[in-house]
Protein backbone atom coordinates (compact mmCIF):
# COMPACT_ATOMS: atom_id res chain seq x y z
CA MET A 1 390.71 195.74 60.45
CA ALA A 2 389.13 198.56 62.34
CA GLU A 3 385.57 199.69 61.82
CA SER A 4 387.03 202.99 60.60
CA ASP A 5 388.55 201.18 57.58
CA TRP A 6 385.10 200.88 55.99
CA ILE A 7 384.24 203.50 53.36
CA VAL A 8 380.55 204.34 52.89
CA ILE A 9 379.47 204.58 49.25
CA GLU A 10 377.07 207.51 49.16
CA GLY A 11 373.97 207.55 46.99
CA VAL A 12 373.78 203.79 46.38
CA ASN A 13 371.03 201.55 47.70
CA PRO A 14 372.51 198.04 47.58
CA ALA A 15 369.06 196.44 47.33
CA THR A 16 368.17 198.24 44.10
CA ALA A 17 371.62 198.75 42.52
CA GLN A 18 372.47 197.10 39.21
CA TYR A 19 375.56 194.87 39.29
CA PRO A 20 378.32 195.02 38.31
CA LEU A 21 378.42 198.40 39.98
CA GLY A 22 381.27 200.83 39.53
CA VAL A 23 382.04 203.00 42.56
CA ALA A 24 384.77 205.35 43.73
CA ALA A 25 386.06 204.83 47.26
CA GLY A 26 389.14 206.25 48.91
CA GLY A 27 390.53 207.44 45.58
CA GLU A 28 390.12 203.97 44.01
CA GLU A 29 387.80 202.79 41.24
CA ILE A 30 386.12 199.57 42.35
CA LEU A 31 383.71 197.15 40.69
CA ILE A 32 381.19 195.36 42.88
CA PHE A 33 379.77 192.07 41.64
CA ARG A 34 376.96 189.96 43.02
CA VAL A 35 378.20 186.39 43.52
CA GLY A 36 375.28 184.29 44.69
CA ALA A 37 373.94 185.97 47.82
CA LYS A 38 377.05 188.03 48.57
CA LEU A 39 378.77 191.05 47.08
CA CYS A 40 382.45 191.07 46.11
CA GLY A 41 384.66 194.01 45.16
CA ILE A 42 387.72 194.19 42.92
CA GLN A 43 389.75 197.03 41.45
CA ARG A 44 388.17 198.25 38.23
CA ILE A 45 391.33 198.36 36.15
CA CYS A 46 393.15 195.12 35.39
CA PRO A 47 396.70 195.16 36.77
CA HIS A 48 397.97 193.42 33.62
CA GLN A 49 397.51 196.10 30.96
CA GLU A 50 395.01 198.50 32.52
CA ALA A 51 391.92 197.10 30.77
CA ASP A 52 388.49 197.77 32.29
CA LEU A 53 387.23 194.69 34.14
CA GLU A 54 383.57 195.77 34.03
CA GLY A 55 382.68 193.37 31.21
CA GLY A 56 384.49 190.49 32.89
CA LYS A 57 382.86 187.10 33.34
CA VAL A 58 382.09 185.97 36.87
CA MET A 59 383.11 182.34 37.27
CA GLY A 60 382.07 181.25 40.74
CA GLU A 61 384.41 183.09 43.12
CA MET A 62 386.55 184.45 40.26
CA LEU A 63 386.49 187.14 37.60
CA LYS A 64 387.88 186.65 34.09
CA CYS A 65 389.25 189.77 32.40
CA PRO A 66 387.33 190.39 29.17
CA HIS A 67 390.46 191.55 27.33
CA HIS A 68 393.21 189.01 27.95
CA GLY A 69 391.55 186.25 29.97
CA TYR A 70 393.38 186.75 33.25
CA ILE A 71 391.38 185.12 36.06
CA PHE A 72 391.36 186.77 39.49
CA ARG A 73 390.04 185.35 42.76
CA PHE A 74 387.59 187.63 44.58
CA ASP A 75 388.90 186.57 48.00
CA THR A 76 392.65 187.08 47.48
CA GLY A 77 393.04 188.99 44.19
CA ARG A 78 395.50 186.37 42.96
CA CYS A 79 395.62 185.70 39.25
CA LEU A 80 395.21 181.98 38.62
CA ASN A 81 396.68 181.81 35.14
CA PHE A 82 399.53 184.33 35.48
CA PRO A 83 401.26 184.14 38.88
CA GLY A 84 402.55 187.43 40.22
CA VAL A 85 399.79 189.57 38.75
CA ASN A 86 397.37 190.40 41.55
CA ALA A 87 394.34 192.67 41.83
CA ASP A 88 393.23 194.62 44.88
CA VAL A 89 390.05 193.11 46.30
CA TYR A 90 387.51 194.57 48.69
CA GLU A 91 385.11 193.33 51.31
CA VAL A 92 381.60 194.64 50.71
CA SER A 93 379.07 195.15 53.49
CA THR A 94 375.44 196.25 53.43
CA ASP A 95 373.41 197.48 56.37
CA ASN A 96 370.20 199.52 56.46
CA ASP A 97 370.41 200.41 52.75
CA THR A 98 374.05 201.47 53.16
CA LEU A 99 376.87 200.08 51.04
CA ARG A 100 380.40 199.96 52.51
CA VAL A 101 383.72 198.70 51.17
CA ARG A 102 387.17 198.14 52.61
CA ARG A 103 390.31 196.77 51.06
CA ARG A 104 391.25 193.22 52.01
CA THR A 105 394.73 192.82 53.35
């Protein structure tokens, strides 16, 4: 991916932000979660039945939908318990108090 693929999230200091953090980037609603020392991004709306994933439970490198229990991997977006349902996931970068995201391909 090119450096130009990164989208800067304005007005957010990653060091003081509260996670999960909902942001808008490139016309998409994204949730950013802290997983250990790193940040992971996933689309905010579950691809199953459009439920909000904000209250989801982080389980290691995965997120469990609070509404129907679908479990998505942060690295690939694949649903572990319902093959074929996938979420968009995002790389998250921080540098000099700047938060950036870009969609994983």
